[in-house]
C-alpha atoms as a PDB file:
ATOM      1  CA  GLU A   1      -0.478  -0.149   0.167  1.00  0.00           C
ATOM      2  CA  ALA A   2       0.976   3.256  -0.951  1.00  0.00           C
ATOM      3  CA  ARG A   3       2.095   5.542   1.725  1.00  0.00           C
ATOM      4  CA  LEU A   4       3.211   9.261   2.162  1.00  0.00           C
ATOM      5  CA  ASP A   5       5.481  11.131   5.549  1.00  0.00           C
ATOM      6  CA  SER A   6       3.781  14.740   5.481  1.00  0.00           C
ATOM      7  CA  GLU A   7       6.815  15.531   7.243  1.00  0.00           C
ATOM      8  CA  THR A   8       9.620  14.227   5.325  1.00  0.00           C
ATOM      9  CA  ASP A   9       8.466  13.501   1.572  1.00  0.00           C
ATOM     10  CA  THR A  10       7.947  16.304  -0.664  1.00  0.00           C
ATOM     11  CA  GLU A  11       9.197  14.455  -3.788  1.00  0.00           C
ATOM     12  CA  ASN A  12       6.423  12.292  -4.754  1.00  0.00           C
ATOM     13  CA  LEU A  13       3.604  14.126  -4.258  1.00  0.00           C
ATOM     14  CA  GLY A  14       2.375  13.752  -7.874  1.00  0.00           C
ATOM     15  CA  GLY A  15       1.336   9.929  -6.912  1.00  0.00           C
ATOM     16  CA  PHE A  16      -1.319  11.511  -4.343  1.00  0.00           C
ATOM     17  CA  PRO A  17      -3.693  13.728  -5.972  1.00  0.00           C
ATOM     18  CA  LEU A  18      -5.240  15.162  -2.288  1.00  0.00           C
ATOM     19  CA  GLY A  19      -1.046  15.498  -1.543  1.00  0.00           C
ATOM     20  CA  ALA A  20       0.048  15.381   2.420  1.00  0.00           C
ATOM     21  CA  ALA A  21      -1.347  16.921   4.955  1.00  0.00           C
ATOM     22  CA  ARG A  22       0.362  19.668   6.520  1.00  0.00           C
ATOM     23  CA  GLY A  23      -2.116  20.349   8.950  1.00  0.00           C
ATOM     24  CA  GLN A  24      -5.475  21.346  10.667  1.00  0.00           C
ATOM     25  CA  PHE A  25      -6.729  24.801  11.867  1.00  0.00           C
ATOM     26  CA  HIS A  26      -9.965  25.771  13.107  1.00  0.00           C
ATOM     27  CA  GLU A  27     -10.254  22.117  14.466  1.00  0.00           C
ATOM     28  CA  ASN A  28     -12.352  21.221  10.926  1.00  0.00           C
ATOM     29  CA  TYR A  29     -10.158  22.086   7.683  1.00  0.00           C
ATOM     30  CA  ILE A  30      -7.141  20.039   6.656  1.00  0.00           C
ATOM     31  CA  ILE A  31      -4.508  21.704   4.492  1.00  0.00           C
ATOM     32  CA  SER A  32      -2.850  19.623   2.303  1.00  0.00           C
ATOM     33  CA  GLN A  33       0.333  20.307  -0.143  1.00  0.00           C
ATOM     34  CA  THR A  34      -0.045  18.834  -3.960  1.00  0.00           C
ATOM     35  CA  ASP A  35       2.421  18.883  -6.707  1.00  0.00           C
ATOM     36  CA  ASP A  36       0.666  21.936  -7.895  1.00  0.00           C
ATOM     37  CA  GLY A  37      -0.825  23.822  -5.351  1.00  0.00           C
ATOM     38  CA  ILE A  38      -2.841  23.399  -2.242  1.00  0.00           C
ATOM     39  CA  ILE A  39      -5.902  21.690  -0.601  1.00  0.00           C
ATOM     40  CA  ILE A  40      -8.521  22.012   1.806  1.00  0.00           C
ATOM     41  CA  VAL A  41     -10.689  19.833   3.221  1.00  0.00           C
ATOM     42  CA  ASP A  42     -13.524  19.862   5.241  1.00  0.00           C
ATOM     43  CA  GLN A  43     -12.819  16.876   7.608  1.00  0.00           C
ATOM     44  CA  HIS A  44     -16.538  16.369   8.887  1.00  0.00           C
ATOM     45  CA  ALA A  45     -18.097  16.313   5.571  1.00  0.00           C
ATOM     46  CA  ALA A  46     -15.535  14.244   3.740  1.00  0.00           C
ATOM     47  CA  HIS A  47     -15.607  11.593   6.443  1.00  0.00           C
ATOM     48  CA  GLU A  48     -19.717  11.716   6.316  1.00  0.00           C
ATOM     49  CA  ARG A  49     -19.351  10.854   2.868  1.00  0.00           C
ATOM     50  CA  LEU A  50     -16.692   8.218   3.015  1.00  0.00           C
ATOM     51  CA  VAL A  51     -18.731   6.258   5.497  1.00  0.00           C
ATOM     52  CA  TYR A  52     -21.716   6.926   3.575  1.00  0.00           C
ATOM     53  CA  GLU A  53     -20.318   5.294   0.374  1.00  0.00           C
ATOM     54  CA  ASN A  54     -19.092   2.440   2.729  1.00  0.00           C
ATOM     55  CA  LEU A  55     -22.415   1.616   4.219  1.00  0.00           C
ATOM     56  CA  LYS A  56     -23.787   1.695   0.830  1.00  0.00           C
ATOM     57  CA  ASN A  57     -21.468  -0.691  -0.358  1.00  0.00           C
ATOM     58  CA  GLN A  58     -22.119  -3.049   2.769  1.00  0.00           C
ATOM     59  CA  LEU A  59     -25.550  -3.068   1.621  1.00  0.00           C
ATOM     60  CA  GLU A  60     -25.363  -3.847  -1.783  1.00  0.00           C
ATOM     61  CA  HIS A  61     -22.663  -6.593  -1.393  1.00  0.00           C
ATOM     62  CA  SER A  62     -23.232  -7.968   1.972  1.00  0.00           C
ATOM     63  CA  GLY A  63     -25.456  -6.379   4.502  1.00  0.00           C
ATOM     64  CA  VAL A  64     -24.627  -3.800   6.826  1.00  0.00           C
ATOM     65  CA  LYS A  65     -22.687  -5.058   9.234  1.00  0.00           C
ATOM     66  CA  THR A  66     -23.655  -5.003  12.162  1.00  0.00           C
ATOM     67  CA  GLN A  67     -22.592  -5.348  16.488  1.00  0.00           C
ATOM     68  CA  PRO A  68     -25.121  -6.601  19.035  1.00  0.00           C
ATOM     69  CA  LEU A  69     -25.656  -3.669  21.886  1.00  0.00           C
ATOM     70  CA  LEU A  70     -23.981  -5.239  25.173  1.00  0.00           C
ATOM     71  CA  LEU A  71     -27.351  -3.975  26.928  1.00  0.00           C
ATOM     72  CA  PRO A  72     -30.490  -3.399  24.566  1.00  0.00           C
ATOM     73  CA  GLU A  73     -31.682  -0.209  24.566  1.00  0.00           C
ATOM     74  CA  VAL A  74     -35.185   0.367  25.058  1.00  0.00           C
ATOM     75  CA  ILE A  75     -35.975   4.108  23.935  1.00  0.00           C
ATOM     76  CA  GLU A  76     -39.879   5.657  25.192  1.00  0.00           C
ATOM     77  CA  MET A  77     -41.559   7.830  22.637  1.00  0.00           C
ATOM     78  CA  LYS A  78     -45.302   8.591  20.899  1.00  0.00           C
ATOM     79  CA  ASP A  79     -46.830   5.884  19.976  1.00  0.00           C
ATOM     80  CA  GLU A  80     -47.349   6.843  16.672  1.00  0.00           C
ATOM     81  CA  ASP A  81     -43.381   7.305  16.111  1.00  0.00           C
ATOM     82  CA  SER A  82     -43.354   3.816  17.492  1.00  0.00           C
ATOM     83  CA  THR A  83     -45.424   2.499  15.308  1.00  0.00           C
ATOM     84  CA  LEU A  84     -43.634   4.049  12.018  1.00  0.00           C
ATOM     85  CA  LEU A  85     -40.724   2.805  12.758  1.00  0.00           C
ATOM     86  CA  ILE A  86     -41.809  -0.810  13.531  1.00  0.00           C
ATOM     87  CA  GLU A  87     -43.493  -0.346  10.214  1.00  0.00           C
ATOM     88  CA  TYR A  88     -40.156   0.255   8.557  1.00  0.00           C
ATOM     89  CA  SER A  89     -38.381  -2.284  11.036  1.00  0.00           C
ATOM     90  CA  GLY A  90     -37.407  -4.716   7.726  1.00  0.00           C
ATOM     91  CA  GLU A  91     -35.805  -1.348   5.865  1.00  0.00           C
ATOM     92  CA  LEU A  92     -34.183  -0.532   9.002  1.00  0.00           C
ATOM     93  CA  LYS A  93     -32.600  -3.938   9.452  1.00  0.00           C
ATOM     94  CA  LYS A  94     -31.336  -3.666   5.993  1.00  0.00           C
ATOM     95  CA  CYS A  95     -29.591  -0.427   7.474  1.00  0.00           C
ATOM     96  CA  GLY A  96     -28.365  -2.339  10.593  1.00  0.00           C
ATOM     97  CA  PHE A  97     -30.487  -1.391  13.183  1.00  0.00           C
ATOM     98  CA  TYR A  98     -32.263  -4.232  14.777  1.00  0.00           C
ATOM     99  CA  LEU A  99     -35.174  -3.290  16.714  1.00  0.00           C
ATOM    100  CA  GLU A 100     -38.822  -4.234  17.417  1.00  0.00           C
ATOM    101  CA  ALA A 101     -41.519  -2.740  19.607  1.00  0.00           C
ATOM    102  CA  PHE A 102     -41.220  -2.597  23.616  1.00  0.00           C
ATOM    103  CA  GLY A 103     -44.892  -2.157  25.198  1.00  0.00           C
ATOM    104  CA  SER A 104     -46.926   1.028  23.645  1.00  0.00           C
ATOM    105  CA  GLY A 105     -44.588   3.940  22.652  1.00  0.00           C
ATOM    106  CA  ALA A 106     -41.128   2.351  23.248  1.00  0.00           C
ATOM    107  CA  VAL A 107     -39.167   0.438  21.399  1.00  0.00           C
ATOM    108  CA  VAL A 108     -35.867  -1.629  21.916  1.00  0.00           C
ATOM    109  CA  VAL A 109     -32.542  -1.847  19.772  1.00  0.00           C
ATOM    110  CA  ARG A 110     -30.625  -4.851  20.149  1.00  0.00           C
ATOM    111  CA  GLU A 111     -27.867  -4.334  17.158  1.00  0.00           C
ATOM    112  CA  THR A 112     -25.995  -1.489  14.963  1.00  0.00           C
ATOM    113  CA  PRO A 113     -24.379  -0.691  12.445  1.00  0.00           C
ATOM    114  CA  ALA A 114     -20.879  -1.631  13.216  1.00  0.00           C
ATOM    115  CA  ILE A 115     -18.863   0.938  11.209  1.00  0.00           C
ATOM    116  CA  LEU A 116     -20.366   3.364  13.925  1.00  0.00           C
ATOM    117  CA  GLY A 117     -18.399   2.041  16.984  1.00  0.00           C
ATOM    118  CA  VAL A 118     -19.918   3.433  20.235  1.00  0.00           C
ATOM    119  CA  ILE A 119     -22.741   5.916  19.753  1.00  0.00           C
ATOM    120  CA  ASN A 120     -25.456   7.268  20.895  1.00  0.00           C
ATOM    121  CA  THR A 121     -28.792   4.764  20.299  1.00  0.00           C
ATOM    122  CA  LYS A 122     -31.313   6.883  21.055  1.00  0.00           C
ATOM    123  CA  SER A 123     -30.291  10.290  19.381  1.00  0.00           C
ATOM    124  CA  MET A 124     -29.741   8.131  16.345  1.00  0.00           C
ATOM    125  CA  VAL A 125     -32.492   6.811  16.529  1.00  0.00           C
ATOM    126  CA  LEU A 126     -34.756   9.518  16.793  1.00  0.00           C
ATOM    127  CA  ASP A 127     -33.106  11.375  13.972  1.00  0.00           C
ATOM    128  CA  ILE A 128     -33.745   8.340  11.942  1.00  0.00           C
ATOM    129  CA  LEU A 129     -37.476   8.701  12.627  1.00  0.00           C
ATOM    130  CA  ASP A 130     -36.755  12.114  11.667  1.00  0.00           C
ATOM    131  CA  GLU A 131     -35.884  11.192   8.316  1.00  0.00           C
ATOM    132  CA  LEU A 132     -38.525   8.522   7.912  1.00  0.00           C
ATOM    133  CA  LYS A 133     -40.932  11.024   8.498  1.00  0.00           C
ATOM    134  CA  ASP A 134     -39.768  13.361   5.630  1.00  0.00           C
ATOM    135  CA  HIS A 135     -39.870  10.159   3.458  1.00  0.00           C
ATOM    136  CA  THR A 136     -43.312   8.806   4.644  1.00  0.00           C
ATOM    137  CA  ASP A 137     -44.722  10.431   1.141  1.00  0.00           C
ATOM    138  CA  SER A 138     -41.738   8.123  -1.085  1.00  0.00           C
ATOM    139  CA  LYS A 139     -43.116   5.028  -2.539  1.00  0.00           C
ATOM    140  CA  ILE A 140     -39.311   3.916  -3.618  1.00  0.00           C
ATOM    141  CA  VAL A 141     -37.716   2.636  -0.774  1.00  0.00           C
ATOM    142  CA  SER A 142     -33.913   2.761  -1.933  1.00  0.00           C
ATOM    143  CA  ASP A 143     -34.800   6.409  -1.693  1.00  0.00           C
ATOM    144  CA  ARG A 144     -35.907   6.263   2.348  1.00  0.00           C
ATOM    145  CA  ILE A 145     -33.189   3.665   2.609  1.00  0.00           C
ATOM    146  CA  ASN A 146     -30.381   5.939   1.537  1.00  0.00           C
ATOM    147  CA  ALA A 147     -31.981   8.751   3.607  1.00  0.00           C
ATOM    148  CA  VAL A 148     -31.198   6.991   6.538  1.00  0.00           C
ATOM    149  CA  LEU A 149     -28.015   5.394   5.818  1.00  0.00           C
ATOM    150  CA  SER A 150     -27.037   9.264   4.957  1.00  0.00           C
ATOM    151  CA  ARG A 151     -28.252  10.438   8.020  1.00  0.00           C
ATOM    152  CA  VAL A 152     -26.272   7.264   9.868  1.00  0.00           C
ATOM    153  CA  ALA A 153     -23.690   8.438   7.993  1.00  0.00           C
ATOM    154  CA  CYS A 154     -23.828  12.213  10.192  1.00  0.00           C
ATOM    155  CA  HIS A 155     -23.156  10.313  12.865  1.00  0.00           C
ATOM    156  CA  GLY A 156     -20.657   7.967  12.344  1.00  0.00           C
ATOM    157  CA  SER A 157     -17.976  10.804  11.262  1.00  0.00           C
ATOM    158  CA  VAL A 158     -15.054  12.694  12.384  1.00  0.00           C
ATOM    159  CA  ARG A 159     -16.622  15.826  13.994  1.00  0.00           C
ATOM    160  CA  SER A 160     -16.369  19.328  13.504  1.00  0.00           C
ATOM    161  CA  GLY A 161     -13.774  20.314  16.416  1.00  0.00           C
ATOM    162  CA  ARG A 162     -11.748  17.776  16.531  1.00  0.00           C
ATOM    163  CA  ARG A 163      -7.705  17.457  16.354  1.00  0.00           C
ATOM    164  CA  MET A 164      -6.675  14.633  14.534  1.00  0.00           C
ATOM    165  CA  LYS A 165      -3.334  13.527  14.289  1.00  0.00           C
ATOM    166  CA  SER A 166      -1.285  13.672  10.918  1.00  0.00           C
ATOM    167  CA  GLU A 167      -1.710  10.084  10.113  1.00  0.00           C
ATOM    168  CA  GLU A 168      -5.147  10.390  10.924  1.00  0.00           C
ATOM    169  CA  MET A 169      -5.707  13.564   8.485  1.00  0.00           C
ATOM    170  CA  ASN A 170      -2.976  11.561   5.714  1.00  0.00           C
ATOM    171  CA  ALA A 171      -5.594   8.578   6.064  1.00  0.00           C
ATOM    172  CA  LEU A 172      -8.779  10.457   5.101  1.00  0.00           C
ATOM    173  CA  LEU A 173      -7.099  12.122   2.175  1.00  0.00           C
ATOM    174  CA  ARG A 174      -5.955   8.379   0.849  1.00  0.00           C
ATOM    175  CA  ASP A 175      -9.700   6.840   1.579  1.00  0.00           C
ATOM    176  CA  MET A 176     -11.007  10.084  -0.254  1.00  0.00           C
ATOM    177  CA  GLU A 177      -8.761   9.014  -3.742  1.00  0.00           C
ATOM    178  CA  VAL A 178     -10.254   5.874  -3.773  1.00  0.00           C
ATOM    179  CA  THR A 179     -14.027   6.276  -2.887  1.00  0.00           C
ATOM    180  CA  PRO A 180     -16.903   7.482  -5.245  1.00  0.00           C
ATOM    181  CA  HIS A 181     -18.154  10.537  -5.018  1.00  0.00           C
ATOM    182  CA  SER A 182     -15.772  11.801  -2.118  1.00  0.00           C
ATOM    183  CA  GLY A 183     -15.796  15.419  -3.663  1.00  0.00           C
ATOM    184  CA  GLN A 184     -18.936  16.230  -2.919  1.00  0.00           C
ATOM    185  CA  CYS A 185     -20.869  15.893   1.152  1.00  0.00           C
ATOM    186  CA  ASN A 186     -23.983  13.946   1.426  1.00  0.00           C
ATOM    187  CA  HIS A 187     -25.772  17.259   0.808  1.00  0.00           C
ATOM    188  CA  GLY A 188     -24.108  18.030  -2.590  1.00  0.00           C
ATOM    189  CA  ARG A 189     -22.089  20.557  -0.994  1.00  0.00           C
ATOM    190  CA  PRO A 190     -17.718  20.355  -1.637  1.00  0.00           C
ATOM    191  CA  THR A 191     -15.553  18.582   0.578  1.00  0.00           C
ATOM    192  CA  TYR A 192     -12.676  20.071  -0.628  1.00  0.00           C
ATOM    193  CA  VAL A 193     -11.287  23.155  -2.386  1.00  0.00           C
ATOM    194  CA  LYS A 194      -8.197  23.046  -4.574  1.00  0.00           C
ATOM    195  CA  LEU A 195      -5.900  25.970  -5.113  1.00  0.00           C
ATOM    196  CA  LYS A 196      -3.280  26.362  -7.471  1.00  0.00           C
ATOM    197  CA  LEU A 197       0.236  27.752  -6.747  1.00  0.00           C
ATOM    198  CA  THR A 198       0.034  29.765  -9.837  1.00  0.00           C
ATOM    199  CA  ASP A 199      -3.504  31.332  -8.524  1.00  0.00           C
ATOM    200  CA  ILE A 200      -1.997  31.824  -5.152  1.00  0.00           C
ATOM    201  CA  GLU A 201       1.196  33.373  -6.843  1.00  0.00           C
ATOM    202  CA  LYS A 202      -1.359  35.616  -8.530  1.00  0.00           C
ATOM    203  CA  MET A 203      -2.729  37.075  -5.517  1.00  0.00           C
ATOM    204  CA  PHE A 204       0.629  37.582  -4.210  1.00  0.00           C
ATOM    205  CA  GLY A 205       1.632  39.813  -7.791  1.00  0.00           C
ATOM    206  CA  ARG A 206       4.620  37.290  -7.819  1.00  0.00           C
ATOM    207  CA  SER A 207       2.978  35.997 -11.008  1.00  0.00           C
END
């Protein structure tokens, strides 16, 4: 596997379209050096897209890998909300969420997507509930599933405000280079911008 040491390797940038990470600023943006300029990456938006594409790939090939909760979590809510979740429990199972009714106005969650690691299960399920409410008019199952996966990806991504180590930043860049659609976040906004050295030099009147 090709690797790039951001501290010492400045001669082999051509083989890495997104370059070598040089640092992080405002605890949300990664700045990297390429052979002909710099790239600024939105770490949260970029990782959110990577998680989303990973989940879609899992769903298509072998199903979303799950992890059982050590203690199944009971989440209370309005009766109509729990009824809606149970109605779509088959679709949620495809997305890696195993839940079932737990009396009136509650569900019990037994498994969640493994890619998420340790999460706030209640917050995740309530977000999924909001997503399903937004898509109740959709007759296309895949639309609802993709909407749920997109919301799941947000919870599973590197958060804004988190400091990242050099190796973490470079690993993110390498993953972006091999992941389809990584140039846009799940909401259609760019995950990175590139500034060519020639344009930067023009800004400083060096051209």
